[in-house]
Protein backbone atom coordinates (compact mmCIF):
# COMPACT_ATOMS: atom_id res chain seq x y z
CA MET A 1 -71.62 -25.31 -176.29
CA ARG A 2 -74.86 -23.49 -177.04
CA VAL A 3 -77.40 -26.19 -177.83
CA LEU A 4 -81.00 -25.97 -179.03
CA VAL A 5 -82.91 -29.02 -177.75
CA VAL A 6 -86.06 -29.48 -179.79
CA GLY A 7 -88.57 -31.45 -177.75
CA GLY A 8 -86.59 -30.82 -174.58
CA ALA A 9 -89.68 -30.77 -172.35
CA GLY A 10 -90.50 -34.38 -173.17
CA TYR A 11 -89.22 -37.68 -171.80
CA VAL A 12 -85.86 -38.49 -173.41
CA GLY A 13 -85.41 -34.85 -174.46
CA GLY A 14 -86.05 -33.69 -170.90
CA ALA A 15 -83.54 -36.14 -169.44
CA THR A 16 -80.97 -35.12 -172.04
CA THR A 17 -81.52 -31.44 -171.25
CA GLU A 18 -80.89 -32.25 -167.60
CA VAL A 19 -77.59 -33.94 -168.46
CA LEU A 20 -76.54 -31.15 -170.84
CA VAL A 21 -77.09 -28.45 -168.21
CA ALA A 22 -75.22 -30.50 -165.61
CA ALA A 23 -72.30 -30.76 -168.05
CA GLY A 24 -72.13 -26.98 -168.34
CA HIS A 25 -73.73 -26.44 -171.75
CA GLN A 26 -75.98 -23.45 -172.47
CA VAL A 27 -79.35 -24.97 -173.38
CA THR A 28 -82.46 -23.56 -175.00
CA VAL A 29 -85.48 -25.84 -175.23
CA PHE A 30 -87.84 -25.46 -178.21
CA ASP A 31 -91.10 -27.29 -177.54
CA ASP A 32 -94.78 -26.82 -178.36
CA LEU A 33 -95.73 -28.59 -175.09
CA SER A 34 -98.28 -30.75 -176.89
CA THR A 35 -96.78 -33.79 -175.19
CA GLY A 36 -94.04 -32.08 -173.19
CA HIS A 37 -94.37 -30.58 -169.72
CA THR A 38 -93.01 -27.41 -168.20
CA GLU A 39 -92.49 -29.41 -165.00
CA ALA A 40 -89.91 -31.53 -166.87
CA LEU A 41 -87.79 -28.50 -167.71
CA THR A 42 -84.40 -28.27 -166.04
CA ALA A 43 -83.52 -25.12 -164.12
CA GLY A 44 -81.02 -23.17 -166.17
CA ALA A 45 -82.53 -24.11 -169.55
CA ALA A 46 -84.46 -21.42 -171.40
CA LEU A 47 -87.81 -22.29 -173.01
CA VAL A 48 -89.01 -21.11 -176.41
CA ARG A 49 -92.50 -22.34 -177.13
CA GLY A 50 -93.10 -23.29 -180.76
CA SER A 51 -93.77 -26.06 -183.25
CA ILE A 52 -91.43 -27.62 -185.80
CA LEU A 53 -94.28 -27.20 -188.29
CA ASP A 54 -93.95 -23.41 -187.89
CA THR A 55 -90.99 -22.21 -189.93
CA THR A 56 -91.32 -18.65 -188.62
CA ALA A 57 -91.05 -19.88 -185.02
CA LEU A 58 -88.02 -22.01 -185.91
CA ASP A 59 -86.25 -19.08 -187.54
CA ALA A 60 -86.99 -16.87 -184.56
CA ALA A 61 -85.61 -19.46 -182.13
CA LEU A 62 -82.44 -20.02 -184.14
CA ALA A 63 -81.90 -16.30 -184.63
CA GLY A 64 -81.96 -15.78 -180.88
CA ALA A 65 -78.46 -17.17 -180.35
CA GLU A 66 -75.50 -18.50 -182.27
CA PHE A 67 -76.12 -22.18 -181.60
CA ASP A 68 -73.35 -24.70 -181.98
CA ALA A 69 -75.69 -27.68 -182.38
CA VAL A 70 -79.30 -28.84 -182.45
CA MET A 71 -80.68 -31.99 -180.82
CA HIS A 72 -84.07 -33.21 -182.04
CA PHE A 73 -86.54 -35.17 -179.88
CA ALA A 74 -89.83 -33.65 -181.07
CA ALA A 75 -91.43 -36.68 -182.71
CA LYS A 76 -94.80 -38.32 -182.40
CA ILE A 77 -93.92 -41.79 -181.02
CA ILE A 78 -97.02 -43.90 -180.28
CA VAL A 79 -96.88 -46.86 -182.66
CA PRO A 80 -100.58 -47.91 -182.49
CA HIS A 81 -101.65 -44.30 -183.06
CA SER A 82 -99.37 -44.10 -186.09
CA MET A 83 -101.29 -47.02 -187.60
CA THR A 84 -104.62 -45.21 -187.33
CA ASP A 85 -103.34 -41.71 -188.16
CA PRO A 86 -100.24 -42.10 -190.35
CA GLY A 87 -100.59 -38.68 -191.95
CA SER A 88 -99.99 -36.80 -188.71
CA TYR A 89 -96.81 -38.86 -188.12
CA PHE A 90 -95.48 -38.17 -191.60
CA GLU A 91 -96.33 -34.48 -191.28
CA ASN A 92 -94.77 -33.95 -187.86
CA ASN A 93 -91.87 -36.39 -187.99
CA ILE A 94 -90.80 -35.92 -191.62
CA CYS A 95 -92.03 -32.47 -192.69
CA GLY A 96 -91.26 -30.99 -189.28
CA THR A 97 -87.71 -32.34 -189.37
CA VAL A 98 -87.17 -30.97 -192.88
CA ASN A 99 -88.36 -27.58 -191.61
CA LEU A 100 -85.89 -27.82 -188.74
CA LEU A 101 -82.96 -28.84 -190.95
CA ASN A 102 -83.62 -26.05 -193.44
CA ALA A 103 -83.89 -23.50 -190.63
CA MET A 104 -80.64 -24.76 -189.11
CA LEU A 105 -78.77 -24.34 -192.37
CA ARG A 106 -80.23 -20.86 -192.89
CA HIS A 107 -78.62 -19.97 -189.56
CA ASN A 108 -75.34 -21.80 -190.24
CA VAL A 109 -75.83 -24.60 -187.71
CA THR A 110 -74.49 -27.87 -189.09
CA ARG A 111 -74.18 -30.19 -186.05
CA PHE A 112 -77.31 -32.28 -185.51
CA VAL A 113 -78.19 -35.11 -183.13
CA PHE A 114 -81.34 -36.92 -184.25
CA SER A 115 -83.19 -39.10 -181.78
CA SER A 116 -83.97 -42.18 -183.87
CA THR A 117 -85.40 -45.57 -182.94
CA ALA A 118 -84.90 -49.31 -183.20
CA THR A 119 -88.39 -49.40 -184.72
CA VAL A 120 -86.70 -48.76 -188.08
CA TYR A 121 -85.68 -52.45 -188.03
CA GLY A 122 -89.27 -53.73 -187.99
CA GLU A 123 -89.39 -57.42 -187.10
CA PRO A 124 -85.71 -58.46 -187.19
CA ALA A 125 -84.89 -61.90 -188.55
CA VAL A 126 -81.61 -62.10 -186.62
CA VAL A 127 -80.68 -60.91 -183.13
CA PRO A 128 -78.75 -59.20 -181.73
CA ILE A 129 -79.58 -56.38 -184.13
CA THR A 130 -76.61 -54.54 -185.62
CA GLU A 131 -76.51 -51.35 -187.65
CA ALA A 132 -76.10 -53.56 -190.74
CA SER A 133 -79.46 -55.25 -190.09
CA PRO A 134 -82.10 -54.46 -192.73
CA VAL A 135 -84.07 -51.26 -192.21
CA GLN A 136 -87.61 -52.48 -192.82
CA PRO A 137 -90.10 -50.59 -190.63
CA ASN A 138 -93.53 -52.17 -190.26
CA ASN A 139 -95.46 -49.15 -189.00
CA PRO A 140 -95.75 -45.47 -189.96
CA TYR A 141 -93.80 -44.30 -186.90
CA GLY A 142 -90.80 -46.41 -187.86
CA GLU A 143 -91.18 -45.40 -191.50
CA SER A 144 -91.08 -41.71 -190.54
CA LYS A 145 -87.82 -42.18 -188.63
CA ALA A 146 -86.25 -44.28 -191.39
CA THR A 147 -87.21 -41.64 -193.95
CA VAL A 148 -85.57 -38.89 -191.91
CA GLU A 149 -82.39 -40.96 -191.62
CA ARG A 150 -82.27 -41.26 -195.42
CA LEU A 151 -82.83 -37.52 -195.74
CA LEU A 152 -80.00 -36.83 -193.29
CA ALA A 153 -77.55 -38.66 -195.53
CA TRP A 154 -78.49 -36.35 -198.41
CA TYR A 155 -78.19 -33.23 -196.25
CA ALA A 156 -74.76 -34.47 -195.17
CA SER A 157 -73.50 -35.13 -198.68
CA GLN A 158 -75.02 -32.06 -200.32
CA ARG A 159 -75.27 -29.40 -197.60
CA GLY A 160 -72.45 -30.14 -195.18
CA LEU A 161 -74.63 -31.37 -192.31
CA ARG A 162 -72.83 -33.50 -189.72
CA TYR A 163 -75.16 -35.70 -187.75
CA ALA A 164 -75.47 -38.53 -185.28
CA ALA A 165 -78.59 -40.70 -185.27
CA PRO A 166 -78.72 -42.94 -182.19
CA ARG A 167 -81.28 -45.70 -182.66
CA TYR A 168 -82.43 -46.60 -179.21
CA PHE A 169 -84.51 -49.44 -178.00
CA ASN A 170 -86.88 -49.30 -175.01
CA ALA A 171 -86.29 -46.12 -173.02
CA ALA A 172 -87.36 -46.61 -169.42
CA GLY A 173 -86.80 -45.34 -165.89
CA ALA A 174 -86.79 -41.78 -164.60
CA THR A 175 -84.71 -38.97 -163.19
CA LYS A 176 -85.88 -37.10 -160.11
CA ARG A 177 -87.53 -34.54 -162.40
CA VAL A 178 -88.34 -36.42 -165.60
CA GLY A 179 -90.56 -39.50 -165.79
CA GLU A 180 -92.44 -41.43 -168.42
CA TRP A 181 -95.97 -40.11 -168.82
CA HIS A 182 -97.69 -40.60 -172.16
CA GLN A 183 -101.36 -40.23 -173.02
CA PRO A 184 -102.21 -42.89 -173.94
CA GLU A 185 -99.52 -44.99 -172.27
CA THR A 186 -98.41 -48.04 -174.28
CA HIS A 187 -95.10 -49.02 -172.66
CA LEU A 188 -94.80 -52.05 -170.43
CA ILE A 189 -92.95 -50.69 -167.39
CA PRO A 190 -95.12 -47.63 -166.68
CA LEU A 191 -98.29 -49.62 -167.39
CA ALA A 192 -97.22 -52.41 -165.03
CA LEU A 193 -96.22 -49.94 -162.33
CA GLN A 194 -99.55 -48.15 -162.62
CA SER A 195 -101.30 -51.50 -162.16
CA ALA A 196 -99.14 -52.36 -159.17
CA LEU A 197 -99.90 -48.96 -157.61
CA GLY A 198 -103.63 -49.40 -158.21
CA LEU A 199 -103.83 -46.49 -160.62
CA ARG A 200 -105.35 -48.67 -163.35
CA GLY A 201 -106.79 -52.15 -163.74
CA PRO A 202 -104.85 -55.35 -164.33
CA LEU A 203 -102.08 -55.39 -166.90
CA THR A 204 -102.78 -57.38 -170.06
CA LEU A 205 -99.94 -59.78 -170.85
CA TYR A 206 -100.05 -60.25 -174.60
CA GLY A 207 -98.95 -63.76 -175.47
CA GLU A 208 -97.21 -66.48 -173.49
CA ASP A 209 -96.33 -68.85 -176.31
CA TYR A 210 -93.43 -67.08 -178.00
CA PRO A 211 -90.23 -69.05 -178.75
CA THR A 212 -88.45 -67.54 -175.73
CA PRO A 213 -87.35 -69.13 -172.44
CA ASP A 214 -90.57 -68.23 -170.58
CA GLY A 215 -92.88 -67.76 -173.57
CA THR A 216 -93.14 -63.96 -173.31
CA CYS A 217 -91.55 -61.33 -175.54
CA VAL A 218 -87.96 -60.28 -174.85
CA ARG A 219 -86.97 -56.61 -175.13
CA ASP A 220 -83.87 -54.49 -174.62
CA TYR A 221 -84.42 -51.81 -171.93
CA VAL A 222 -82.16 -48.82 -171.35
CA HIS A 223 -82.40 -46.29 -168.52
CA VAL A 224 -83.31 -42.83 -169.80
CA LEU A 225 -80.22 -41.36 -168.10
CA ASP A 226 -78.00 -43.81 -169.96
CA LEU A 227 -79.68 -42.69 -173.19
CA ALA A 228 -79.13 -39.07 -172.23
CA ASP A 229 -75.46 -39.80 -171.62
CA ALA A 230 -75.19 -41.40 -175.07
CA HIS A 231 -76.73 -38.33 -176.72
CA LEU A 232 -74.25 -36.11 -174.89
CA ARG A 233 -71.42 -38.30 -176.13
CA ALA A 234 -72.83 -38.10 -179.66
CA LEU A 235 -72.80 -34.31 -179.40
CA ASP A 236 -69.19 -34.36 -178.23
CA TYR A 237 -68.31 -36.77 -181.05
CA LEU A 238 -69.52 -34.25 -183.64
CA GLN A 239 -67.30 -31.44 -182.31
CA PRO A 240 -64.08 -32.25 -184.19
CA GLU A 241 -64.34 -30.98 -187.74
CA GLY A 242 -64.30 -33.88 -190.14
CA ALA A 243 -65.75 -36.50 -187.81
CA PRO A 244 -68.02 -38.62 -190.02
CA SER A 245 -71.72 -38.77 -189.37
CA LEU A 246 -72.81 -41.66 -187.20
CA VAL A 247 -75.67 -44.11 -186.88
CA CYS A 248 -75.50 -46.41 -183.86
CA ASN A 249 -77.67 -48.65 -181.71
CA LEU A 250 -78.25 -47.82 -178.06
CA GLY A 251 -79.23 -50.95 -176.20
CA CYS A 252 -78.05 -52.90 -173.20
CA GLY A 253 -76.90 -55.78 -175.40
CA HIS A 254 -79.19 -58.37 -173.83
CA GLY A 255 -82.91 -58.60 -173.23
CA TYR A 256 -85.46 -59.09 -170.50
CA SER A 257 -88.69 -60.97 -170.98
CA ASN A 258 -92.02 -59.47 -170.01
CA ARG A 259 -92.11 -61.95 -167.12
CA GLU A 260 -88.66 -60.87 -165.96
CA VAL A 261 -89.80 -57.23 -165.98
CA LEU A 262 -92.82 -58.12 -163.83
CA GLU A 263 -90.59 -60.07 -161.45
CA SER A 264 -88.29 -57.05 -161.14
CA ILE A 265 -91.27 -54.84 -160.31
CA HIS A 266 -92.40 -57.27 -157.62
CA ARG A 267 -88.87 -57.53 -156.25
CA VAL A 268 -88.25 -53.77 -156.16
CA THR A 269 -91.65 -52.54 -155.01
CA GLY A 270 -92.92 -55.49 -153.01
CA GLN A 271 -96.15 -55.22 -154.99
CA PRO A 272 -97.34 -57.93 -157.40
CA VAL A 273 -98.64 -56.78 -160.78
CA PRO A 274 -102.25 -57.90 -161.31
CA LEU A 275 -102.52 -59.62 -164.70
CA VAL A 276 -104.98 -60.76 -167.32
CA LYS A 277 -103.87 -62.93 -170.20
CA GLY A 278 -104.27 -61.70 -173.75
CA GLU A 279 -103.59 -63.03 -177.22
CA ARG A 280 -100.50 -62.16 -179.19
CA ARG A 281 -100.61 -58.77 -180.87
CA PRO A 282 -99.83 -58.54 -184.60
CA GLY A 283 -96.33 -57.23 -185.22
CA ASP A 284 -94.85 -58.14 -181.83
CA ALA A 285 -91.49 -59.77 -182.53
CA PRO A 286 -90.46 -62.52 -180.09
CA ILE A 287 -87.04 -60.99 -179.36
CA THR A 288 -85.69 -57.49 -180.01
CA VAL A 289 -82.18 -57.07 -178.62
CA ALA A 290 -79.41 -54.74 -179.79
CA SER A 291 -75.73 -55.06 -180.33
CA ASN A 292 -74.21 -51.89 -178.87
CA ALA A 293 -70.70 -52.63 -180.12
CA ARG A 294 -70.53 -49.59 -182.41
CA ALA A 295 -71.66 -47.21 -179.64
CA GLY A 296 -69.03 -48.74 -177.39
CA GLU A 297 -66.29 -48.39 -179.98
CA VAL A 298 -67.09 -44.90 -181.29
CA LEU A 299 -68.76 -43.18 -178.33
CA ARG A 300 -67.14 -45.22 -175.54
CA TRP A 301 -70.68 -45.76 -174.27
CA SER A 302 -72.33 -48.63 -172.48
CA PRO A 303 -75.36 -48.55 -170.19
CA ARG A 304 -74.53 -48.46 -166.48
CA ARG A 305 -77.95 -49.06 -164.90
CA SER A 306 -79.67 -52.42 -164.38
CA LEU A 307 -83.29 -53.42 -164.89
CA ASP A 308 -83.87 -53.08 -161.13
CA ASP A 309 -82.36 -49.57 -161.28
CA ILE A 310 -84.78 -48.71 -164.09
CA VAL A 311 -87.78 -50.05 -162.19
CA GLU A 312 -86.78 -48.41 -158.90
CA SER A 313 -86.39 -44.97 -160.48
CA ALA A 314 -89.65 -45.26 -162.43
CA TRP A 315 -91.50 -46.44 -159.30
CA ARG A 316 -90.13 -43.55 -157.24
CA TRP A 317 -91.20 -41.01 -159.87
CA LEU A 318 -94.67 -42.51 -160.31
CA ALA A 319 -95.27 -42.66 -156.55
CA ALA A 320 -94.50 -38.93 -156.42
CA HIS A 321 -96.60 -38.17 -159.53
CA PRO A 322 -99.57 -40.59 -159.49
CA LYS A 323 -101.54 -38.34 -161.82
CA GLY A 324 -98.62 -37.27 -163.92
CA TYR A 325 -96.74 -34.00 -164.05
CA HIS A 326 -99.66 -31.87 -162.98
CA GLN A 327 -99.81 -33.43 -159.53
CA VAL A 328 -96.48 -33.17 -157.75
């Protein structure tokens, strides 16, 4: 298929582009490179530089080829930043997606894979989280994704859009080319690895008195290549005409505590993670774990890589890129 990957120079988008090209698809990446990196681009994928806030650029990109589908990863994703600057998240994540959808339909593209998030569930009352769990985001980032999901249902019922919206949990790990590098970085595994490698100070462990086996938060981690595989399967799922649109969770089905993650890092790298103890952060749920039963049933997907696999790949990438993409 001919696929336009919006945000394909970023983290999950870059890994998905890598998998798409390997599977033989013709891929064009549309990215403004504000948080993406040319170094993350896969050989064989074309790059069109542009923003989803620019309708002229979107039309030009979509007019360049008869695309069979669009995959969308171009969201602002930093939860704390969304709390201090909600307007930019609503503008980019909601308005930008509406621009993209309208441009797609102007060019007769109706297959759409939307990279969503488990953040739409907010602080879940019951785990494991299923797709029937209440959608109750507690930050502007999650609200922007939940809003787009509601919009997609209207585009599907009124304009013939067919979509898949995988809601994934904690993306982690790396490919040989694509690693996790955000500015600022807020995710546990890259932060802990940076501390272990001496690239930053001690890691702050926020809270050790949660109602979990070791007192630290429990999260569901999925290797970025497993997520990429799920997005490819979602794209394949949408090929048969008449296949209903799909929302599904992408998680490993069980969780790892913050302490277990740090133990994995020590085990894999041989380096302890220097720590300082911090207080609980508002909004941190004790346990966030997915049920991936629907993804298994509909997409025949389940994650194949372990926590140690995730850590090993992320460590290898960081050791090769201690200052990020611009130092190889």
